PDB file of N, CA and C in Angstrom:
ATOM      1  N   MET A   1      -3.627  -6.813 -11.854  1.00  0.00           N
ATOM      2  CA  MET A   1      -2.814  -6.082 -12.787  1.00  0.00           C
ATOM      3  C   MET A   1      -1.841  -5.147 -12.063  1.00  0.00           C
ATOM      4  N   SER A   2      -1.474  -5.520 -10.850  1.00  0.00           N
ATOM      5  CA  SER A   2      -0.521  -4.733 -10.082  1.00  0.00           C
ATOM      6  C   SER A   2       0.424  -5.681  -9.345  1.00  0.00           C
ATOM      7  N   LYS A   3       1.525  -5.142  -8.844  1.00  0.00           N
ATOM      8  CA  LYS A   3       2.560  -5.946  -8.211  1.00  0.00           C
ATOM      9  C   LYS A   3       2.966  -5.324  -6.880  1.00  0.00           C
ATOM     10  N   LYS A   4       3.014  -6.164  -5.830  1.00  0.00           N
ATOM     11  CA  LYS A   4       3.449  -5.701  -4.518  1.00  0.00           C
ATOM     12  C   LYS A   4       4.899  -5.237  -4.618  1.00  0.00           C
ATOM     13  N   GLY A   5       5.190  -4.095  -3.999  1.00  0.00           N
ATOM     14  CA  GLY A   5       6.522  -3.533  -4.033  1.00  0.00           C
ATOM     15  C   GLY A   5       6.725  -2.550  -5.172  1.00  0.00           C
ATOM     16  N   LYS A   6       5.890  -2.657  -6.199  1.00  0.00           N
ATOM     17  CA  LYS A   6       5.968  -1.718  -7.322  1.00  0.00           C
ATOM     18  C   LYS A   6       4.773  -0.778  -7.316  1.00  0.00           C
ATOM     19  N   ASP A   7       3.571  -1.331  -7.151  1.00  0.00           N
ATOM     20  CA  ASP A   7       2.339  -0.549  -7.203  1.00  0.00           C
ATOM     21  C   ASP A   7       1.745  -0.299  -5.817  1.00  0.00           C
ATOM     22  N   TYR A   8       2.058  -1.137  -4.867  1.00  0.00           N
ATOM     23  CA  TYR A   8       1.601  -0.949  -3.486  1.00  0.00           C
ATOM     24  C   TYR A   8       2.644  -1.545  -2.558  1.00  0.00           C
ATOM     25  N   LYS A   9       2.650  -1.037  -1.316  1.00  0.00           N
ATOM     26  CA  LYS A   9       3.724  -1.372  -0.387  1.00  0.00           C
ATOM     27  C   LYS A   9       3.414  -2.616   0.448  1.00  0.00           C
ATOM     28  N   GLU A  10       2.294  -2.637   1.117  1.00  0.00           N
ATOM     29  CA  GLU A  10       1.936  -3.724   2.021  1.00  0.00           C
ATOM     30  C   GLU A  10       0.477  -4.098   1.844  1.00  0.00           C
ATOM     31  N   GLY A  11       0.105  -5.231   2.419  1.00  0.00           N
ATOM     32  CA  GLY A  11      -1.287  -5.672   2.393  1.00  0.00           C
ATOM     33  C   GLY A  11      -1.541  -6.695   1.314  1.00  0.00           C
ATOM     34  N   GLY A  12      -2.805  -7.011   1.146  1.00  0.00           N
ATOM     35  CA  GLY A  12      -3.204  -7.954   0.111  1.00  0.00           C
ATOM     36  C   GLY A  12      -3.717  -9.265   0.666  1.00  0.00           C
ATOM     37  N   THR A  13      -3.805 -10.232  -0.192  1.00  0.00           N
ATOM     38  CA  THR A  13      -4.433 -11.517   0.095  1.00  0.00           C
ATOM     39  C   THR A  13      -3.593 -12.383   1.028  1.00  0.00           C
ATOM     40  N   TYR A  14      -4.292 -13.035   1.963  1.00  0.00           N
ATOM     41  CA  TYR A  14      -3.632 -14.002   2.837  1.00  0.00           C
ATOM     42  C   TYR A  14      -4.553 -15.191   3.065  1.00  0.00           C
ATOM     43  N   PHE A  15      -3.978 -16.299   3.494  1.00  0.00           N
ATOM     44  CA  PHE A  15      -4.706 -17.492   3.902  1.00  0.00           C
ATOM     45  C   PHE A  15      -4.251 -17.843   5.309  1.00  0.00           C
ATOM     46  N   LEU A  16      -5.089 -18.554   6.056  1.00  0.00           N
ATOM     47  CA  LEU A  16      -4.703 -19.044   7.375  1.00  0.00           C
ATOM     48  C   LEU A  16      -4.346 -20.516   7.262  1.00  0.00           C
ATOM     49  N   ASN A  17      -3.204 -20.902   7.873  1.00  0.00           N
ATOM     50  CA  ASN A  17      -2.847 -22.314   7.853  1.00  0.00           C
ATOM     51  C   ASN A  17      -3.564 -23.046   8.991  1.00  0.00           C
ATOM     52  N   ASP A  18      -3.228 -24.310   9.198  1.00  0.00           N
ATOM     53  CA  ASP A  18      -3.932 -25.109  10.212  1.00  0.00           C
ATOM     54  C   ASP A  18      -3.653 -24.648  11.643  1.00  0.00           C
ATOM     55  N   LYS A  19      -2.677 -23.752  11.830  1.00  0.00           N
ATOM     56  CA  LYS A  19      -2.384 -23.197  13.158  1.00  0.00           C
ATOM     57  C   LYS A  19      -2.888 -21.758  13.265  1.00  0.00           C
ATOM     58  N   ASN A  20      -3.757 -21.344  12.328  1.00  0.00           N
ATOM     59  CA  ASN A  20      -4.325 -19.993  12.259  1.00  0.00           C
ATOM     60  C   ASN A  20      -3.260 -18.904  12.109  1.00  0.00           C
ATOM     61  N   VAL A  21      -2.173 -19.220  11.421  1.00  0.00           N
ATOM     62  CA  VAL A  21      -1.117 -18.257  11.119  1.00  0.00           C
ATOM     63  C   VAL A  21      -1.355 -17.733   9.707  1.00  0.00           C
ATOM     64  N   LYS A  22      -1.278 -16.399   9.556  1.00  0.00           N
ATOM     65  CA  LYS A  22      -1.472 -15.788   8.240  1.00  0.00           C
ATOM     66  C   LYS A  22      -0.319 -16.142   7.309  1.00  0.00           C
ATOM     67  N   ILE A  23      -0.671 -16.584   6.121  1.00  0.00           N
ATOM     68  CA  ILE A  23       0.297 -16.834   5.059  1.00  0.00           C
ATOM     69  C   ILE A  23      -0.007 -15.829   3.959  1.00  0.00           C
ATOM     70  N   ASN A  24       0.868 -14.825   3.796  1.00  0.00           N
ATOM     71  CA  ASN A  24       0.664 -13.803   2.776  1.00  0.00           C
ATOM     72  C   ASN A  24       1.073 -14.365   1.424  1.00  0.00           C
ATOM     73  N   THR A  25       0.189 -14.248   0.452  1.00  0.00           N
ATOM     74  CA  THR A  25       0.449 -14.825  -0.869  1.00  0.00           C
ATOM     75  C   THR A  25       0.941 -13.807  -1.885  1.00  0.00           C
ATOM     76  N   GLU A  26       0.909 -12.531  -1.529  1.00  0.00           N
ATOM     77  CA  GLU A  26       1.231 -11.485  -2.499  1.00  0.00           C
ATOM     78  C   GLU A  26       2.652 -11.591  -3.050  1.00  0.00           C
ATOM     79  N   GLU A  27       3.596 -12.106  -2.262  1.00  0.00           N
ATOM     80  CA  GLU A  27       4.967 -12.244  -2.754  1.00  0.00           C
ATOM     81  C   GLU A  27       5.070 -13.256  -3.887  1.00  0.00           C
ATOM     82  N   HIS A  28       4.069 -14.113  -4.009  1.00  0.00           N
ATOM     83  CA  HIS A  28       4.093 -15.176  -5.018  1.00  0.00           C
ATOM     84  C   HIS A  28       3.213 -14.863  -6.225  1.00  0.00           C
ATOM     85  N   ILE A  29       2.586 -13.690  -6.225  1.00  0.00           N
ATOM     86  CA  ILE A  29       1.657 -13.324  -7.292  1.00  0.00           C
ATOM     87  C   ILE A  29       2.336 -12.328  -8.213  1.00  0.00           C
ATOM     88  N   ASP A  30       2.223 -12.564  -9.530  1.00  0.00           N
ATOM     89  CA  ASP A  30       2.783 -11.641 -10.505  1.00  0.00           C
ATOM     90  C   ASP A  30       1.654 -11.027 -11.320  1.00  0.00           C
ATOM     91  N   VAL A  31       1.942  -9.949 -12.012  1.00  0.00           N
ATOM     92  CA  VAL A  31       0.943  -9.274 -12.843  1.00  0.00           C
ATOM     93  C   VAL A  31       0.351 -10.276 -13.833  1.00  0.00           C
ATOM     94  N   GLY A  32      -0.963 -10.352 -13.872  1.00  0.00           N
ATOM     95  CA  GLY A  32      -1.656 -11.238 -14.800  1.00  0.00           C
ATOM     96  C   GLY A  32      -1.940 -12.628 -14.267  1.00  0.00           C
ATOM     97  N   ASP A  33      -1.444 -12.968 -13.069  1.00  0.00           N
ATOM     98  CA  ASP A  33      -1.703 -14.285 -12.488  1.00  0.00           C
ATOM     99  C   ASP A  33      -3.171 -14.434 -12.109  1.00  0.00           C
ATOM    100  N   VAL A  34      -3.627 -15.662 -12.083  1.00  0.00           N
ATOM    101  CA  VAL A  34      -4.985 -15.997 -11.660  1.00  0.00           C
ATOM    102  C   VAL A  34      -4.871 -16.944 -10.472  1.00  0.00           C
ATOM    103  N   GLY A  35      -5.564 -16.610  -9.387  1.00  0.00           N
ATOM    104  CA  GLY A  35      -5.575 -17.476  -8.216  1.00  0.00           C
ATOM    105  C   GLY A  35      -6.898 -18.223  -8.136  1.00  0.00           C
ATOM    106  N   ILE A  36      -6.812 -19.532  -8.043  1.00  0.00           N
ATOM    107  CA  ILE A  36      -8.019 -20.367  -7.935  1.00  0.00           C
ATOM    108  C   ILE A  36      -7.871 -21.219  -6.686  1.00  0.00           C
ATOM    109  N   PHE A  37      -8.882 -21.158  -5.810  1.00  0.00           N
ATOM    110  CA  PHE A  37      -8.833 -21.929  -4.579  1.00  0.00           C
ATOM    111  C   PHE A  37     -10.250 -22.216  -4.112  1.00  0.00           C
ATOM    112  N   TYR A  38     -10.380 -23.189  -3.236  1.00  0.00           N
ATOM    113  CA  TYR A  38     -11.676 -23.513  -2.655  1.00  0.00           C
ATOM    114  C   TYR A  38     -12.124 -22.378  -1.746  1.00  0.00           C
ATOM    115  N   ALA A  39     -13.349 -21.936  -1.889  1.00  0.00           N
ATOM    116  CA  ALA A  39     -13.876 -20.846  -1.064  1.00  0.00           C
ATOM    117  C   ALA A  39     -13.918 -21.217   0.414  1.00  0.00           C
ATOM    118  N   SER A  40     -13.873 -22.509   0.717  1.00  0.00           N
ATOM    119  CA  SER A  40     -13.902 -22.944   2.111  1.00  0.00           C
ATOM    120  C   SER A  40     -12.553 -22.711   2.812  1.00  0.00           C
ATOM    121  N   MET A  41     -11.498 -22.392   2.053  1.00  0.00           N
ATOM    122  CA  MET A  41     -10.213 -22.060   2.681  1.00  0.00           C
ATOM    123  C   MET A  41     -10.356 -20.711   3.383  1.00  0.00           C
ATOM    124  N   ILE A  42      -9.886 -20.631   4.606  1.00  0.00           N
ATOM    125  CA  ILE A  42     -10.000 -19.378   5.355  1.00  0.00           C
ATOM    126  C   ILE A  42      -9.005 -18.383   4.771  1.00  0.00           C
ATOM    127  N   HIS A  43      -9.529 -17.238   4.335  1.00  0.00           N
ATOM    128  CA  HIS A  43      -8.697 -16.248   3.669  1.00  0.00           C
ATOM    129  C   HIS A  43      -9.242 -14.847   3.917  1.00  0.00           C
ATOM    130  N   GLY A  44      -8.457 -13.864   3.550  1.00  0.00           N
ATOM    131  CA  GLY A  44      -8.870 -12.480   3.709  1.00  0.00           C
ATOM    132  C   GLY A  44      -7.936 -11.566   2.943  1.00  0.00           C
ATOM    133  N   VAL A  45      -8.170 -10.274   3.107  1.00  0.00           N
ATOM    134  CA  VAL A  45      -7.338  -9.269   2.440  1.00  0.00           C
ATOM    135  C   VAL A  45      -7.010  -8.181   3.457  1.00  0.00           C
ATOM    136  N   ASP A  46      -5.711  -7.975   3.702  1.00  0.00           N
ATOM    137  CA  ASP A  46      -5.267  -6.870   4.547  1.00  0.00           C
ATOM    138  C   ASP A  46      -5.284  -5.587   3.729  1.00  0.00           C
ATOM    139  N   THR A  47      -5.517  -4.459   4.398  1.00  0.00           N
ATOM    140  CA  THR A  47      -5.544  -3.159   3.736  1.00  0.00           C
ATOM    141  C   THR A  47      -4.232  -2.921   2.994  1.00  0.00           C
ATOM    142  N   VAL A  48      -4.352  -2.439   1.764  1.00  0.00           N
ATOM    143  CA  VAL A  48      -3.192  -2.173   0.923  1.00  0.00           C
ATOM    144  C   VAL A  48      -2.699  -0.755   1.184  1.00  0.00           C
ATOM    145  N   SER A  49      -1.393  -0.602   1.415  1.00  0.00           N
ATOM    146  CA  SER A  49      -0.812   0.732   1.590  1.00  0.00           C
ATOM    147  C   SER A  49      -0.136   1.142   0.290  1.00  0.00           C
ATOM    148  N   LYS A  50      -0.439   2.357  -0.136  1.00  0.00           N
ATOM    149  CA  LYS A  50       0.036   2.848  -1.422  1.00  0.00           C
ATOM    150  C   LYS A  50       1.499   3.257  -1.373  1.00  0.00           C
ATOM    151  N   ILE A  51       2.139   3.164  -2.521  1.00  0.00           N
ATOM    152  CA  ILE A  51       3.465   3.734  -2.725  1.00  0.00           C
ATOM    153  C   ILE A  51       3.234   5.117  -3.306  1.00  0.00           C
ATOM    154  N   GLN A  52       3.834   6.120  -2.736  1.00  0.00           N
ATOM    155  CA  GLN A  52       3.645   7.490  -3.216  1.00  0.00           C
ATOM    156  C   GLN A  52       4.427   7.702  -4.505  1.00  0.00           C
ATOM    157  N   THR A  53       3.723   8.018  -5.577  1.00  0.00           N
ATOM    158  CA  THR A  53       4.363   8.308  -6.861  1.00  0.00           C
ATOM    159  C   THR A  53       3.677   9.512  -7.496  1.00  0.00           C
ATOM    160  N   GLN A  54       4.288  10.047  -8.500  1.00  0.00           N
ATOM    161  CA  GLN A  54       3.687  11.155  -9.243  1.00  0.00           C
ATOM    162  C   GLN A  54       2.517  10.658 -10.085  1.00  0.00           C
ATOM    163  N   ASN A  55       2.582   9.419 -10.529  1.00  0.00           N
ATOM    164  CA  ASN A  55       1.551   8.841 -11.386  1.00  0.00           C
ATOM    165  C   ASN A  55       0.559   8.070 -10.512  1.00  0.00           C
ATOM    166  N   LEU A  56      -0.594   8.646 -10.239  1.00  0.00           N
ATOM    167  CA  LEU A  56      -1.565   8.008  -9.346  1.00  0.00           C
ATOM    168  C   LEU A  56      -2.036   6.659  -9.859  1.00  0.00           C
ATOM    169  N   LYS A  57      -2.016   6.447 -11.165  1.00  0.00           N
ATOM    170  CA  LYS A  57      -2.421   5.151 -11.712  1.00  0.00           C
ATOM    171  C   LYS A  57      -1.458   4.049 -11.289  1.00  0.00           C
ATOM    172  N   LYS A  58      -0.248   4.404 -10.916  1.00  0.00           N
ATOM    173  CA  LYS A  58       0.751   3.425 -10.500  1.00  0.00           C
ATOM    174  C   LYS A  58       0.727   3.154  -9.000  1.00  0.00           C
ATOM    175  N   SER A  59      -0.177   3.782  -8.260  1.00  0.00           N
ATOM    176  CA  SER A  59      -0.197   3.589  -6.814  1.00  0.00           C
ATOM    177  C   SER A  59      -1.498   2.928  -6.362  1.00  0.00           C
ATOM    178  N   GLU A  60      -1.956   1.995  -7.156  1.00  0.00           N
ATOM    179  CA  GLU A  60      -3.195   1.290  -6.832  1.00  0.00           C
ATOM    180  C   GLU A  60      -3.007  -0.207  -6.995  1.00  0.00           C
ATOM    181  N   ARG A  61      -3.899  -0.959  -6.387  1.00  0.00           N
ATOM    182  CA  ARG A  61      -3.902  -2.412  -6.538  1.00  0.00           C
ATOM    183  C   ARG A  61      -5.171  -2.793  -7.276  1.00  0.00           C
ATOM    184  N   TRP A  62      -5.021  -3.580  -8.294  1.00  0.00           N
ATOM    185  CA  TRP A  62      -6.167  -4.074  -9.065  1.00  0.00           C
ATOM    186  C   TRP A  62      -6.463  -5.494  -8.646  1.00  0.00           C
ATOM    187  N   TRP A  63      -7.757  -5.792  -8.532  1.00  0.00           N
ATOM    188  CA  TRP A  63      -8.171  -7.133  -8.139  1.00  0.00           C
ATOM    189  C   TRP A  63      -9.524  -7.435  -8.764  1.00  0.00           C
ATOM    190  N   ILE A  64      -9.660  -8.600  -9.323  1.00  0.00           N
ATOM    191  CA  ILE A  64     -10.953  -9.063  -9.831  1.00  0.00           C
ATOM    192  C   ILE A  64     -11.263 -10.353  -9.099  1.00  0.00           C
ATOM    193  N   GLY A  65     -12.411 -10.409  -8.457  1.00  0.00           N
ATOM    194  CA  GLY A  65     -12.793 -11.605  -7.724  1.00  0.00           C
ATOM    195  C   GLY A  65     -14.139 -12.127  -8.196  1.00  0.00           C
ATOM    196  N   LEU A  66     -14.192 -13.402  -8.468  1.00  0.00           N
ATOM    197  CA  LEU A  66     -15.448 -14.055  -8.861  1.00  0.00           C
ATOM    198  C   LEU A  66     -15.900 -14.882  -7.663  1.00  0.00           C
ATOM    199  N   TYR A  67     -17.028 -14.515  -7.107  1.00  0.00           N
ATOM    200  CA  TYR A  67     -17.470 -15.133  -5.864  1.00  0.00           C
ATOM    201  C   TYR A  67     -18.819 -15.826  -6.035  1.00  0.00           C
ATOM    202  N   SER A  68     -19.074 -16.780  -5.173  1.00  0.00           N
ATOM    203  CA  SER A  68     -20.359 -17.478  -5.092  1.00  0.00           C
ATOM    204  C   SER A  68     -20.906 -17.831  -6.471  1.00  0.00           C
ATOM    205  N   PRO A  69     -20.259 -18.764  -7.162  1.00  0.00           N
ATOM    206  CA  PRO A  69     -20.743 -19.126  -8.483  1.00  0.00           C
ATOM    207  C   PRO A  69     -22.117 -19.804  -8.452  1.00  0.00           C
ATOM    208  N   GLU A  70     -22.545 -20.195  -7.267  1.00  0.00           N
ATOM    209  CA  GLU A  70     -23.854 -20.815  -7.134  1.00  0.00           C
ATOM    210  C   GLU A  70     -24.940 -19.738  -7.171  1.00  0.00           C
ATOM    211  N   SER A  71     -26.044 -20.019  -7.796  1.00  0.00           N
ATOM    212  CA  SER A  71     -27.126 -19.062  -8.003  1.00  0.00           C
ATOM    213  C   SER A  71     -27.749 -18.577  -6.694  1.00  0.00           C
ATOM    214  N   ASP A  72     -28.143 -17.292  -6.677  1.00  0.00           N
ATOM    215  CA  ASP A  72     -28.882 -16.737  -5.538  1.00  0.00           C
ATOM    216  C   ASP A  72     -30.250 -17.387  -5.382  1.00  0.00           C
ATOM    217  N   TYR A  73     -30.722 -18.046  -6.424  1.00  0.00           N
ATOM    218  CA  TYR A  73     -32.027 -18.697  -6.353  1.00  0.00           C
ATOM    219  C   TYR A  73     -31.988 -19.963  -5.501  1.00  0.00           C
ATOM    220  N   ASN A  74     -30.804 -20.485  -5.235  1.00  0.00           N
ATOM    221  CA  ASN A  74     -30.664 -21.624  -4.343  1.00  0.00           C
ATOM    222  C   ASN A  74     -30.646 -21.081  -2.920  1.00  0.00           C
ATOM    223  N   LEU A  75     -31.722 -21.262  -2.178  1.00  0.00           N
ATOM    224  CA  LEU A  75     -31.868 -20.652  -0.852  1.00  0.00           C
ATOM    225  C   LEU A  75     -30.923 -21.231   0.191  1.00  0.00           C
ATOM    226  N   ILE A  76     -30.367 -22.419  -0.054  1.00  0.00           N
ATOM    227  CA  ILE A  76     -29.461 -23.016   0.930  1.00  0.00           C
ATOM    228  C   ILE A  76     -28.010 -23.031   0.435  1.00  0.00           C
ATOM    229  N   ARG A  77     -27.701 -22.113  -0.468  1.00  0.00           N
ATOM    230  CA  ARG A  77     -26.331 -22.062  -0.988  1.00  0.00           C
ATOM    231  C   ARG A  77     -25.367 -21.604   0.094  1.00  0.00           C
ATOM    232  N   LYS A  78     -24.124 -22.009  -0.031  1.00  0.00           N
ATOM    233  CA  LYS A  78     -23.088 -21.596   0.910  1.00  0.00           C
ATOM    234  C   LYS A  78     -22.362 -20.392   0.325  1.00  0.00           C
ATOM    235  N   SER A  79     -22.286 -19.314   1.073  1.00  0.00           N
ATOM    236  CA  SER A  79     -21.559 -18.117   0.646  1.00  0.00           C
ATOM    237  C   SER A  79     -21.014 -17.416   1.867  1.00  0.00           C
ATOM    238  N   SER A  80     -20.091 -16.505   1.627  1.00  0.00           N
ATOM    239  CA  SER A  80     -19.474 -15.783   2.738  1.00  0.00           C
ATOM    240  C   SER A  80     -20.334 -14.605   3.153  1.00  0.00           C
ATOM    241  N   ASN A  81     -20.008 -14.048   4.301  1.00  0.00           N
ATOM    242  CA  ASN A  81     -20.642 -12.818   4.738  1.00  0.00           C
ATOM    243  C   ASN A  81     -19.585 -11.915   5.337  1.00  0.00           C
ATOM    244  N   SER A  82     -19.854 -10.641   5.385  1.00  0.00           N
ATOM    245  CA  SER A  82     -18.882  -9.693   5.900  1.00  0.00           C
ATOM    246  C   SER A  82     -19.008  -9.578   7.407  1.00  0.00           C
ATOM    247  N   VAL A  83     -17.870  -9.598   8.078  1.00  0.00           N
ATOM    248  CA  VAL A  83     -17.846  -9.437   9.525  1.00  0.00           C
ATOM    249  C   VAL A  83     -16.792  -8.392   9.836  1.00  0.00           C
ATOM    250  N   LEU A  84     -17.176  -7.375  10.584  1.00  0.00           N
ATOM    251  CA  LEU A  84     -16.198  -6.374  11.014  1.00  0.00           C
ATOM    252  C   LEU A  84     -15.628  -6.786  12.348  1.00  0.00           C
ATOM    253  N   LEU A  85     -14.307  -6.841  12.434  1.00  0.00           N
ATOM    254  CA  LEU A  85     -13.648  -7.237  13.682  1.00  0.00           C
ATOM    255  C   LEU A  85     -13.139  -6.031  14.414  1.00  0.00           C
TER     256      LEU A  85
END
């Protein structure tokens, strides 16, 4: 529910291509869009930098992510894990 350049300055979702080059997708996303992709695609989120405004509600990025639709009861399910670099 936010837009790059209006609600935040830099950062956001990216994917890696077959040469491990970051492809930033935020320029192609509009308010209300839904992104659907295979979880096996290598992706991440760069830190979002805020635009300074008087209205703090306008200087945030909103994101809803639905992850690992497979049940936790499946002990051999494939899911991501957090790694600090």
